[in-house]
Amino acid sequence: MFATSLIGFLSGIIFEKEKWKEHQLVLSTFGFIVTLVLYGGIMNFYATLSYTDQMTKEVILATYAQGFPLDLIHAISTFAFLFLMAKPLIQRLERVKVKYHIMEK
């Protein structure tokens, strides 16, 4: 939950500006990077903490090596989903913001 909320927080800060919302490639690339590095990094470290009491460099590296293929698949699917669905989802969110007067300045 921490990793997911951290990604959402960073996304809100970075993509607050209107100029970035319409760039699907930038949004998709950001999703790929944070999913692979941030989410995968936090979750693989948590996996190491949860299954061993010996925190050695070798154990941590082995956990990251085992988790990397799944992290890569997760990051690629995040890229594809954001690239294909970002524009329609952003348009719907903008309609909801206007309809319910959310985040008016």
PDB file of N, CA and C in Angstrom:
ATOM      1  N   MET A   1       0.830  -1.185   0.000  1.00  0.00           N
ATOM      2  CA  MET A   1       0.000   0.000   0.000  1.00  0.00           C
ATOM      3  C   MET A   1       0.870   1.243   0.000  1.00  0.00           C
ATOM      4  N   PHE A   2       1.976   1.180   0.715  1.00  0.00           N
ATOM      5  CA  PHE A   2       2.874   2.327   0.751  1.00  0.00           C
ATOM      6  C   PHE A   2       3.444   2.615  -0.633  1.00  0.00           C
ATOM      7  N   ALA A   3       3.876   1.583  -1.335  1.00  0.00           N
ATOM      8  CA  ALA A   3       4.473   1.771  -2.661  1.00  0.00           C
ATOM      9  C   ALA A   3       3.450   2.352  -3.633  1.00  0.00           C
ATOM     10  N   THR A   4       2.244   1.839  -3.619  1.00  0.00           N
ATOM     11  CA  THR A   4       1.207   2.333  -4.513  1.00  0.00           C
ATOM     12  C   THR A   4       0.833   3.772  -4.197  1.00  0.00           C
ATOM     13  N   SER A   5       0.692   4.092  -2.923  1.00  0.00           N
ATOM     14  CA  SER A   5       0.343   5.469  -2.564  1.00  0.00           C
ATOM     15  C   SER A   5       1.487   6.428  -2.859  1.00  0.00           C
ATOM     16  N   LEU A   6       2.718   5.985  -2.725  1.00  0.00           N
ATOM     17  CA  LEU A   6       3.859   6.827  -3.068  1.00  0.00           C
ATOM     18  C   LEU A   6       3.882   7.127  -4.562  1.00  0.00           C
ATOM     19  N   ILE A   7       3.572   6.149  -5.377  1.00  0.00           N
ATOM     20  CA  ILE A   7       3.490   6.379  -6.822  1.00  0.00           C
ATOM     21  C   ILE A   7       2.367   7.356  -7.144  1.00  0.00           C
ATOM     22  N   GLY A   8       1.235   7.205  -6.514  1.00  0.00           N
ATOM     23  CA  GLY A   8       0.135   8.145  -6.731  1.00  0.00           C
ATOM     24  C   GLY A   8       0.480   9.563  -6.303  1.00  0.00           C
ATOM     25  N   PHE A   9       1.172   9.696  -5.186  1.00  0.00           N
ATOM     26  CA  PHE A   9       1.587  11.005  -4.700  1.00  0.00           C
ATOM     27  C   PHE A   9       2.561  11.664  -5.675  1.00  0.00           C
ATOM     28  N   LEU A  10       3.565  10.910  -6.106  1.00  0.00           N
ATOM     29  CA  LEU A  10       4.532  11.450  -7.070  1.00  0.00           C
ATOM     30  C   LEU A  10       3.866  11.792  -8.399  1.00  0.00           C
ATOM     31  N   SER A  11       2.937  10.974  -8.832  1.00  0.00           N
ATOM     32  CA  SER A  11       2.221  11.257 -10.078  1.00  0.00           C
ATOM     33  C   SER A  11       1.413  12.535  -9.966  1.00  0.00           C
ATOM     34  N   GLY A  12       0.779  12.736  -8.841  1.00  0.00           N
ATOM     35  CA  GLY A  12       0.015  13.960  -8.638  1.00  0.00           C
ATOM     36  C   GLY A  12       0.884  15.198  -8.654  1.00  0.00           C
ATOM     37  N   ILE A  13       2.060  15.105  -8.084  1.00  0.00           N
ATOM     38  CA  ILE A  13       2.972  16.248  -8.080  1.00  0.00           C
ATOM     39  C   ILE A  13       3.511  16.518  -9.483  1.00  0.00           C
ATOM     40  N   ILE A  14       3.950  15.473 -10.165  1.00  0.00           N
ATOM     41  CA  ILE A  14       4.584  15.652 -11.475  1.00  0.00           C
ATOM     42  C   ILE A  14       3.570  16.033 -12.556  1.00  0.00           C
ATOM     43  N   PHE A  15       2.403  15.414 -12.554  1.00  0.00           N
ATOM     44  CA  PHE A  15       1.439  15.632 -13.631  1.00  0.00           C
ATOM     45  C   PHE A  15       0.341  16.614 -13.253  1.00  0.00           C
ATOM     46  N   GLU A  16       0.608  17.469 -12.278  1.00  0.00           N
ATOM     47  CA  GLU A  16      -0.366  18.489 -11.908  1.00  0.00           C
ATOM     48  C   GLU A  16      -0.533  19.521 -13.019  1.00  0.00           C
ATOM     49  N   LYS A  17       0.536  19.810 -13.704  1.00  0.00           N
ATOM     50  CA  LYS A  17       0.508  20.786 -14.791  1.00  0.00           C
ATOM     51  C   LYS A  17      -0.296  20.239 -15.967  1.00  0.00           C
ATOM     52  N   GLU A  18      -1.076  21.093 -16.575  1.00  0.00           N
ATOM     53  CA  GLU A  18      -1.933  20.691 -17.690  1.00  0.00           C
ATOM     54  C   GLU A  18      -1.136  20.226 -18.905  1.00  0.00           C
ATOM     55  N   LYS A  19       0.083  20.748 -19.092  1.00  0.00           N
ATOM     56  CA  LYS A  19       0.820  20.430 -20.310  1.00  0.00           C
ATOM     57  C   LYS A  19       1.250  18.960 -20.385  1.00  0.00           C
ATOM     58  N   TRP A  20       1.377  18.281 -19.256  1.00  0.00           N
ATOM     59  CA  TRP A  20       1.823  16.890 -19.263  1.00  0.00           C
ATOM     60  C   TRP A  20       0.676  15.900 -19.396  1.00  0.00           C
ATOM     61  N   LYS A  21      -0.538  16.330 -19.147  1.00  0.00           N
ATOM     62  CA  LYS A  21      -1.656  15.385 -19.127  1.00  0.00           C
ATOM     63  C   LYS A  21      -1.943  14.753 -20.483  1.00  0.00           C
ATOM     64  N   GLU A  22      -1.672  15.453 -21.554  1.00  0.00           N
ATOM     65  CA  GLU A  22      -2.018  14.949 -22.878  1.00  0.00           C
ATOM     66  C   GLU A  22      -0.894  14.173 -23.542  1.00  0.00           C
ATOM     67  N   HIS A  23       0.259  14.090 -22.940  1.00  0.00           N
ATOM     68  CA  HIS A  23       1.379  13.378 -23.535  1.00  0.00           C
ATOM     69  C   HIS A  23       1.369  11.923 -23.071  1.00  0.00           C
ATOM     70  N   GLN A  24       0.808  11.069 -23.898  1.00  0.00           N
ATOM     71  CA  GLN A  24       0.666   9.668 -23.531  1.00  0.00           C
ATOM     72  C   GLN A  24       2.013   8.973 -23.371  1.00  0.00           C
ATOM     73  N   LEU A  25       2.973   9.312 -24.216  1.00  0.00           N
ATOM     74  CA  LEU A  25       4.273   8.653 -24.148  1.00  0.00           C
ATOM     75  C   LEU A  25       5.003   9.017 -22.861  1.00  0.00           C
ATOM     76  N   VAL A  26       4.917  10.275 -22.447  1.00  0.00           N
ATOM     77  CA  VAL A  26       5.560  10.705 -21.197  1.00  0.00           C
ATOM     78  C   VAL A  26       4.903  10.016 -20.006  1.00  0.00           C
ATOM     79  N   LEU A  27       3.581  10.001 -20.001  1.00  0.00           N
ATOM     80  CA  LEU A  27       2.837   9.362 -18.914  1.00  0.00           C
ATOM     81  C   LEU A  27       3.122   7.864 -18.859  1.00  0.00           C
ATOM     82  N   SER A  28       3.154   7.224 -20.009  1.00  0.00           N
ATOM     83  CA  SER A  28       3.417   5.785 -20.062  1.00  0.00           C
ATOM     84  C   SER A  28       4.839   5.450 -19.631  1.00  0.00           C
ATOM     85  N   THR A  29       5.791   6.261 -20.064  1.00  0.00           N
ATOM     86  CA  THR A  29       7.182   6.038 -19.671  1.00  0.00           C
ATOM     87  C   THR A  29       7.366   6.237 -18.179  1.00  0.00           C
ATOM     88  N   PHE A  30       6.724   7.265 -17.626  1.00  0.00           N
ATOM     89  CA  PHE A  30       6.773   7.483 -16.182  1.00  0.00           C
ATOM     90  C   PHE A  30       6.204   6.273 -15.441  1.00  0.00           C
ATOM     91  N   GLY A  31       5.068   5.754 -15.919  1.00  0.00           N
ATOM     92  CA  GLY A  31       4.464   4.570 -15.301  1.00  0.00           C
ATOM     93  C   GLY A  31       5.374   3.363 -15.362  1.00  0.00           C
ATOM     94  N   PHE A  32       6.049   3.174 -16.486  1.00  0.00           N
ATOM     95  CA  PHE A  32       6.988   2.069 -16.633  1.00  0.00           C
ATOM     96  C   PHE A  32       8.128   2.177 -15.623  1.00  0.00           C
ATOM     97  N   ILE A  33       8.725   3.368 -15.529  1.00  0.00           N
ATOM     98  CA  ILE A  33       9.882   3.561 -14.654  1.00  0.00           C
ATOM     99  C   ILE A  33       9.514   3.401 -13.187  1.00  0.00           C
ATOM    100  N   VAL A  34       8.435   4.054 -12.748  1.00  0.00           N
ATOM    101  CA  VAL A  34       8.101   3.962 -11.323  1.00  0.00           C
ATOM    102  C   VAL A  34       7.617   2.570 -10.943  1.00  0.00           C
ATOM    103  N   THR A  35       6.975   1.873 -11.874  1.00  0.00           N
ATOM    104  CA  THR A  35       6.549   0.505 -11.575  1.00  0.00           C
ATOM    105  C   THR A  35       7.753  -0.411 -11.435  1.00  0.00           C
ATOM    106  N   LEU A  36       8.699  -0.278 -12.344  1.00  0.00           N
ATOM    107  CA  LEU A  36       9.874  -1.143 -12.311  1.00  0.00           C
ATOM    108  C   LEU A  36      10.793  -0.801 -11.143  1.00  0.00           C
ATOM    109  N   VAL A  37      11.100   0.463 -10.967  1.00  0.00           N
ATOM    110  CA  VAL A  37      12.098   0.866  -9.978  1.00  0.00           C
ATOM    111  C   VAL A  37      11.497   1.042  -8.585  1.00  0.00           C
ATOM    112  N   LEU A  38      10.475   1.877  -8.480  1.00  0.00           N
ATOM    113  CA  LEU A  38       9.943   2.217  -7.158  1.00  0.00           C
ATOM    114  C   LEU A  38       9.095   1.088  -6.569  1.00  0.00           C
ATOM    115  N   TYR A  39       8.072   0.676  -7.316  1.00  0.00           N
ATOM    116  CA  TYR A  39       7.187  -0.371  -6.798  1.00  0.00           C
ATOM    117  C   TYR A  39       7.937  -1.696  -6.648  1.00  0.00           C
ATOM    118  N   GLY A  40       8.673  -2.079  -7.696  1.00  0.00           N
ATOM    119  CA  GLY A  40       9.440  -3.324  -7.627  1.00  0.00           C
ATOM    120  C   GLY A  40      10.496  -3.289  -6.544  1.00  0.00           C
ATOM    121  N   GLY A  41      11.159  -2.150  -6.394  1.00  0.00           N
ATOM    122  CA  GLY A  41      12.190  -2.020  -5.363  1.00  0.00           C
ATOM    123  C   GLY A  41      11.644  -2.152  -3.960  1.00  0.00           C
ATOM    124  N   ILE A  42      10.533  -1.492  -3.708  1.00  0.00           N
ATOM    125  CA  ILE A  42       9.938  -1.556  -2.364  1.00  0.00           C
ATOM    126  C   ILE A  42       9.393  -2.957  -2.084  1.00  0.00           C
ATOM    127  N   MET A  43       8.685  -3.538  -3.058  1.00  0.00           N
ATOM    128  CA  MET A  43       8.068  -4.836  -2.827  1.00  0.00           C
ATOM    129  C   MET A  43       9.105  -5.956  -2.724  1.00  0.00           C
ATOM    130  N   ASN A  44      10.167  -5.888  -3.489  1.00  0.00           N
ATOM    131  CA  ASN A  44      11.210  -6.912  -3.386  1.00  0.00           C
ATOM    132  C   ASN A  44      11.943  -6.806  -2.053  1.00  0.00           C
ATOM    133  N   PHE A  45      12.163  -5.588  -1.586  1.00  0.00           N
ATOM    134  CA  PHE A  45      12.798  -5.425  -0.282  1.00  0.00           C
ATOM    135  C   PHE A  45      11.882  -5.941   0.831  1.00  0.00           C
ATOM    136  N   TYR A  46      10.585  -5.679   0.707  1.00  0.00           N
ATOM    137  CA  TYR A  46       9.639  -6.203   1.698  1.00  0.00           C
ATOM    138  C   TYR A  46       9.624  -7.734   1.671  1.00  0.00           C
ATOM    139  N   ALA A  47       9.706  -8.308   0.475  1.00  0.00           N
ATOM    140  CA  ALA A  47       9.748  -9.777   0.380  1.00  0.00           C
ATOM    141  C   ALA A  47      10.963 -10.327   1.110  1.00  0.00           C
ATOM    142  N   THR A  48      12.089  -9.635   0.986  1.00  0.00           N
ATOM    143  CA  THR A  48      13.295 -10.073   1.702  1.00  0.00           C
ATOM    144  C   THR A  48      13.082  -9.986   3.205  1.00  0.00           C
ATOM    145  N   LEU A  49      12.479  -8.902   3.663  1.00  0.00           N
ATOM    146  CA  LEU A  49      12.221  -8.743   5.099  1.00  0.00           C
ATOM    147  C   LEU A  49      11.266  -9.796   5.639  1.00  0.00           C
ATOM    148  N   SER A  50      10.313 -10.209   4.812  1.00  0.00           N
ATOM    149  CA  SER A  50       9.276 -11.097   5.322  1.00  0.00           C
ATOM    150  C   SER A  50       9.671 -12.569   5.334  1.00  0.00           C
ATOM    151  N   TYR A  51      10.636 -12.976   4.532  1.00  0.00           N
ATOM    152  CA  TYR A  51      10.932 -14.411   4.523  1.00  0.00           C
ATOM    153  C   TYR A  51      12.299 -14.788   5.077  1.00  0.00           C
ATOM    154  N   THR A  52      13.112 -13.850   5.480  1.00  0.00           N
ATOM    155  CA  THR A  52      14.412 -14.230   6.041  1.00  0.00           C
ATOM    156  C   THR A  52      14.762 -13.341   7.225  1.00  0.00           C
ATOM    157  N   ASP A  53      15.569 -13.878   8.087  1.00  0.00           N
ATOM    158  CA  ASP A  53      16.065 -13.068   9.199  1.00  0.00           C
ATOM    159  C   ASP A  53      17.535 -12.720   9.000  1.00  0.00           C
ATOM    160  N   GLN A  54      18.110 -13.188   7.910  1.00  0.00           N
ATOM    161  CA  GLN A  54      19.502 -12.887   7.598  1.00  0.00           C
ATOM    162  C   GLN A  54      19.539 -11.903   6.423  1.00  0.00           C
ATOM    163  N   MET A  55      19.722 -10.651   6.736  1.00  0.00           N
ATOM    164  CA  MET A  55      19.731  -9.612   5.702  1.00  0.00           C
ATOM    165  C   MET A  55      21.160  -9.416   5.199  1.00  0.00           C
ATOM    166  N   THR A  56      21.573 -10.295   4.339  1.00  0.00           N
ATOM    167  CA  THR A  56      22.899 -10.150   3.745  1.00  0.00           C
ATOM    168  C   THR A  56      22.751  -9.585   2.336  1.00  0.00           C
ATOM    169  N   LYS A  57      23.849  -9.103   1.809  1.00  0.00           N
ATOM    170  CA  LYS A  57      23.831  -8.534   0.465  1.00  0.00           C
ATOM    171  C   LYS A  57      23.437  -9.576  -0.570  1.00  0.00           C
ATOM    172  N   GLU A  58      23.897 -10.790  -0.389  1.00  0.00           N
ATOM    173  CA  GLU A  58      23.593 -11.859  -1.330  1.00  0.00           C
ATOM    174  C   GLU A  58      22.097 -12.204  -1.339  1.00  0.00           C
ATOM    175  N   VAL A  59      21.499 -12.234  -0.148  1.00  0.00           N
ATOM    176  CA  VAL A  59      20.065 -12.545  -0.054  1.00  0.00           C
ATOM    177  C   VAL A  59      19.250 -11.436  -0.712  1.00  0.00           C
ATOM    178  N   ILE A  60      19.606 -10.191  -0.470  1.00  0.00           N
ATOM    179  CA  ILE A  60      18.886  -9.067  -1.067  1.00  0.00           C
ATOM    180  C   ILE A  60      19.027  -9.088  -2.583  1.00  0.00           C
ATOM    181  N   LEU A  61      20.239  -9.307  -3.076  1.00  0.00           N
ATOM    182  CA  LEU A  61      20.443  -9.364  -4.521  1.00  0.00           C
ATOM    183  C   LEU A  61      19.698 -10.535  -5.151  1.00  0.00           C
ATOM    184  N   ALA A  62      19.664 -11.679  -4.469  1.00  0.00           N
ATOM    185  CA  ALA A  62      18.921 -12.834  -4.985  1.00  0.00           C
ATOM    186  C   ALA A  62      17.427 -12.528  -5.063  1.00  0.00           C
ATOM    187  N   THR A  63      16.898 -11.839  -4.080  1.00  0.00           N
ATOM    188  CA  THR A  63      15.482 -11.483  -4.091  1.00  0.00           C
ATOM    189  C   THR A  63      15.169 -10.542  -5.246  1.00  0.00           C
ATOM    190  N   TYR A  64      16.018  -9.539  -5.441  1.00  0.00           N
ATOM    191  CA  TYR A  64      15.810  -8.614  -6.546  1.00  0.00           C
ATOM    192  C   TYR A  64      15.949  -9.323  -7.891  1.00  0.00           C
ATOM    193  N   ALA A  65      16.878 -10.243  -8.014  1.00  0.00           N
ATOM    194  CA  ALA A  65      17.053 -10.984  -9.261  1.00  0.00           C
ATOM    195  C   ALA A  65      15.844 -11.875  -9.554  1.00  0.00           C
ATOM    196  N   GLN A  66      15.296 -12.507  -8.512  1.00  0.00           N
ATOM    197  CA  GLN A  66      14.119 -13.351  -8.707  1.00  0.00           C
ATOM    198  C   GLN A  66      12.878 -12.524  -9.012  1.00  0.00           C
ATOM    199  N   GLY A  67      12.787 -11.334  -8.443  1.00  0.00           N
ATOM    200  CA  GLY A  67      11.608 -10.502  -8.648  1.00  0.00           C
ATOM    201  C   GLY A  67      11.631  -9.692  -9.922  1.00  0.00           C
ATOM    202  N   PHE A  68      12.802  -9.541 -10.540  1.00  0.00           N
ATOM    203  CA  PHE A  68      12.917  -8.680 -11.714  1.00  0.00           C
ATOM    204  C   PHE A  68      12.037  -9.100 -12.891  1.00  0.00           C
ATOM    205  N   PRO A  69      11.949 -10.389 -13.251  1.00  0.00           N
ATOM    206  CA  PRO A  69      11.073 -10.743 -14.382  1.00  0.00           C
ATOM    207  C   PRO A  69       9.610 -10.343 -14.153  1.00  0.00           C
ATOM    208  N   LEU A  70       9.099 -10.572 -12.970  1.00  0.00           N
ATOM    209  CA  LEU A  70       7.728 -10.174 -12.673  1.00  0.00           C
ATOM    210  C   LEU A  70       7.589  -8.650 -12.673  1.00  0.00           C
ATOM    211  N   ASP A  71       8.578  -7.953 -12.135  1.00  0.00           N
ATOM    212  CA  ASP A  71       8.550  -6.488 -12.153  1.00  0.00           C
ATOM    213  C   ASP A  71       8.570  -5.953 -13.578  1.00  0.00           C
ATOM    214  N   LEU A  72       9.319  -6.595 -14.437  1.00  0.00           N
ATOM    215  CA  LEU A  72       9.397  -6.170 -15.831  1.00  0.00           C
ATOM    216  C   LEU A  72       8.062  -6.391 -16.545  1.00  0.00           C
ATOM    217  N   ILE A  73       7.440  -7.519 -16.317  1.00  0.00           N
ATOM    218  CA  ILE A  73       6.116  -7.773 -16.903  1.00  0.00           C
ATOM    219  C   ILE A  73       5.101  -6.760 -16.385  1.00  0.00           C
ATOM    220  N   HIS A  74       5.149  -6.478 -15.097  1.00  0.00           N
ATOM    221  CA  HIS A  74       4.256  -5.496 -14.495  1.00  0.00           C
ATOM    222  C   HIS A  74       4.481  -4.111 -15.108  1.00  0.00           C
ATOM    223  N   ALA A  75       5.736  -3.726 -15.297  1.00  0.00           N
ATOM    224  CA  ALA A  75       6.056  -2.414 -15.861  1.00  0.00           C
ATOM    225  C   ALA A  75       5.623  -2.321 -17.329  1.00  0.00           C
ATOM    226  N   ILE A  76       5.827  -3.386 -18.095  1.00  0.00           N
ATOM    227  CA  ILE A  76       5.414  -3.377 -19.503  1.00  0.00           C
ATOM    228  C   ILE A  76       3.896  -3.283 -19.622  1.00  0.00           C
ATOM    229  N   SER A  77       3.183  -4.009 -18.786  1.00  0.00           N
ATOM    230  CA  SER A  77       1.718  -3.943 -18.838  1.00  0.00           C
ATOM    231  C   SER A  77       1.213  -2.574 -18.373  1.00  0.00           C
ATOM    232  N   THR A  78       1.896  -1.966 -17.425  1.00  0.00           N
ATOM    233  CA  THR A  78       1.528  -0.613 -17.007  1.00  0.00           C
ATOM    234  C   THR A  78       1.742   0.366 -18.148  1.00  0.00           C
ATOM    235  N   PHE A  79       2.868   0.253 -18.849  1.00  0.00           N
ATOM    236  CA  PHE A  79       3.138   1.106 -20.001  1.00  0.00           C
ATOM    237  C   PHE A  79       2.038   0.951 -21.050  1.00  0.00           C
ATOM    238  N   ALA A  80       1.703  -0.288 -21.387  1.00  0.00           N
ATOM    239  CA  ALA A  80       0.701  -0.544 -22.424  1.00  0.00           C
ATOM    240  C   ALA A  80      -0.674  -0.012 -22.009  1.00  0.00           C
ATOM    241  N   PHE A  81      -1.063  -0.264 -20.765  1.00  0.00           N
ATOM    242  CA  PHE A  81      -2.363   0.207 -20.295  1.00  0.00           C
ATOM    243  C   PHE A  81      -2.430   1.733 -20.324  1.00  0.00           C
ATOM    244  N   LEU A  82      -1.395   2.398 -19.818  1.00  0.00           N
ATOM    245  CA  LEU A  82      -1.401   3.860 -19.821  1.00  0.00           C
ATOM    246  C   LEU A  82      -1.367   4.418 -21.238  1.00  0.00           C
ATOM    247  N   PHE A  83      -0.616   3.785 -22.118  1.00  0.00           N
ATOM    248  CA  PHE A  83      -0.530   4.284 -23.489  1.00  0.00           C
ATOM    249  C   PHE A  83      -1.870   4.165 -24.204  1.00  0.00           C
ATOM    250  N   LEU A  84      -2.582   3.074 -23.959  1.00  0.00           N
ATOM    251  CA  LEU A  84      -3.860   2.862 -24.651  1.00  0.00           C
ATOM    252  C   LEU A  84      -5.037   3.553 -23.975  1.00  0.00           C
ATOM    253  N   MET A  85      -5.021   3.654 -22.653  1.00  0.00           N
ATOM    254  CA  MET A  85      -6.210   4.109 -21.933  1.00  0.00           C
ATOM    255  C   MET A  85      -6.075   5.452 -21.233  1.00  0.00           C
ATOM    256  N   ALA A  86      -4.929   6.089 -21.283  1.00  0.00           N
ATOM    257  CA  ALA A  86      -4.738   7.319 -20.512  1.00  0.00           C
ATOM    258  C   ALA A  86      -5.656   8.437 -20.978  1.00  0.00           C
ATOM    259  N   LYS A  87      -5.725   8.661 -22.269  1.00  0.00           N
ATOM    260  CA  LYS A  87      -6.514   9.782 -22.782  1.00  0.00           C
ATOM    261  C   LYS A  87      -8.002   9.655 -22.438  1.00  0.00           C
ATOM    262  N   PRO A  88      -8.651   8.515 -22.683  1.00  0.00           N
ATOM    263  CA  PRO A  88     -10.072   8.410 -22.310  1.00  0.00           C
ATOM    264  C   PRO A  88     -10.306   8.539 -20.804  1.00  0.00           C
ATOM    265  N   LEU A  89      -9.405   7.973 -19.998  1.00  0.00           N
ATOM    266  CA  LEU A  89      -9.580   8.067 -18.551  1.00  0.00           C
ATOM    267  C   LEU A  89      -9.397   9.499 -18.047  1.00  0.00           C
ATOM    268  N   ILE A  90      -8.439  10.211 -18.600  1.00  0.00           N
ATOM    269  CA  ILE A  90      -8.228  11.601 -18.201  1.00  0.00           C
ATOM    270  C   ILE A  90      -9.426  12.449 -18.595  1.00  0.00           C
ATOM    271  N   GLN A  91      -9.996  12.209 -19.775  1.00  0.00           N
ATOM    272  CA  GLN A  91     -11.182  12.956 -20.198  1.00  0.00           C
ATOM    273  C   GLN A  91     -12.356  12.709 -19.258  1.00  0.00           C
ATOM    274  N   ARG A  92     -12.539  11.472 -18.835  1.00  0.00           N
ATOM    275  CA  ARG A  92     -13.636  11.178 -17.901  1.00  0.00           C
ATOM    276  C   ARG A  92     -13.402  11.815 -16.541  1.00  0.00           C
ATOM    277  N   LEU A  93     -12.162  11.785 -16.072  1.00  0.00           N
ATOM    278  CA  LEU A  93     -11.863  12.430 -14.793  1.00  0.00           C
ATOM    279  C   LEU A  93     -12.072  13.941 -14.858  1.00  0.00           C
ATOM    280  N   GLU A  94     -11.730  14.545 -15.976  1.00  0.00           N
ATOM    281  CA  GLU A  94     -11.948  15.985 -16.138  1.00  0.00           C
ATOM    282  C   GLU A  94     -13.440  16.309 -16.130  1.00  0.00           C
ATOM    283  N   ARG A  95     -14.251  15.457 -16.744  1.00  0.00           N
ATOM    284  CA  ARG A  95     -15.708  15.671 -16.722  1.00  0.00           C
ATOM    285  C   ARG A  95     -16.253  15.590 -15.301  1.00  0.00           C
ATOM    286  N   VAL A  96     -15.777  14.646 -14.520  1.00  0.00           N
ATOM    287  CA  VAL A  96     -16.223  14.503 -13.134  1.00  0.00           C
ATOM    288  C   VAL A  96     -15.797  15.728 -12.319  1.00  0.00           C
ATOM    289  N   LYS A  97     -14.560  16.214 -12.559  1.00  0.00           N
ATOM    290  CA  LYS A  97     -14.083  17.395 -11.843  1.00  0.00           C
ATOM    291  C   LYS A  97     -14.954  18.610 -12.139  1.00  0.00           C
ATOM    292  N   VAL A  98     -15.360  18.772 -13.392  1.00  0.00           N
ATOM    293  CA  VAL A  98     -16.208  19.908 -13.759  1.00  0.00           C
ATOM    294  C   VAL A  98     -17.612  19.737 -13.181  1.00  0.00           C
ATOM    295  N   LYS A  99     -18.153  18.539 -13.292  1.00  0.00           N
ATOM    296  CA  LYS A  99     -19.524  18.285 -12.843  1.00  0.00           C
ATOM    297  C   LYS A  99     -19.690  18.509 -11.341  1.00  0.00           C
ATOM    298  N   TYR A 100     -18.740  18.043 -10.554  1.00  0.00           N
ATOM    299  CA  TYR A 100     -18.854  18.126  -9.096  1.00  0.00           C
ATOM    300  C   TYR A 100     -18.010  19.241  -8.487  1.00  0.00           C
ATOM    301  N   HIS A 101     -17.481  20.116  -9.314  1.00  0.00           N
ATOM    302  CA  HIS A 101     -16.699  21.280  -8.856  1.00  0.00           C
ATOM    303  C   HIS A 101     -15.547  20.855  -7.947  1.00  0.00           C
ATOM    304  N   ILE A 102     -14.806  19.863  -8.382  1.00  0.00           N
ATOM    305  CA  ILE A 102     -13.666  19.368  -7.615  1.00  0.00           C
ATOM    306  C   ILE A 102     -12.423  20.116  -8.033  1.00  0.00           C
ATOM    307  N   MET A 103     -11.622  20.505  -7.072  1.00  0.00           N
ATOM    308  CA  MET A 103     -10.332  21.155  -7.280  1.00  0.00           C
ATOM    309  C   MET A 103     -10.456  22.484  -8.030  1.00  0.00           C
ATOM    310  N   GLU A 104     -11.449  23.276  -7.678  1.00  0.00           N
ATOM    311  CA  GLU A 104     -11.541  24.605  -8.251  1.00  0.00           C
ATOM    312  C   GLU A 104     -10.584  25.526  -7.532  1.00  0.00           C
ATOM    313  N   LYS A 105     -10.007  26.435  -8.284  1.00  0.00           N
ATOM    314  CA  LYS A 105      -9.051  27.362  -7.678  1.00  0.00           C
ATOM    315  C   LYS A 105      -9.682  28.679  -7.364  1.00  0.00           C
TER     316      LYS A 105
END
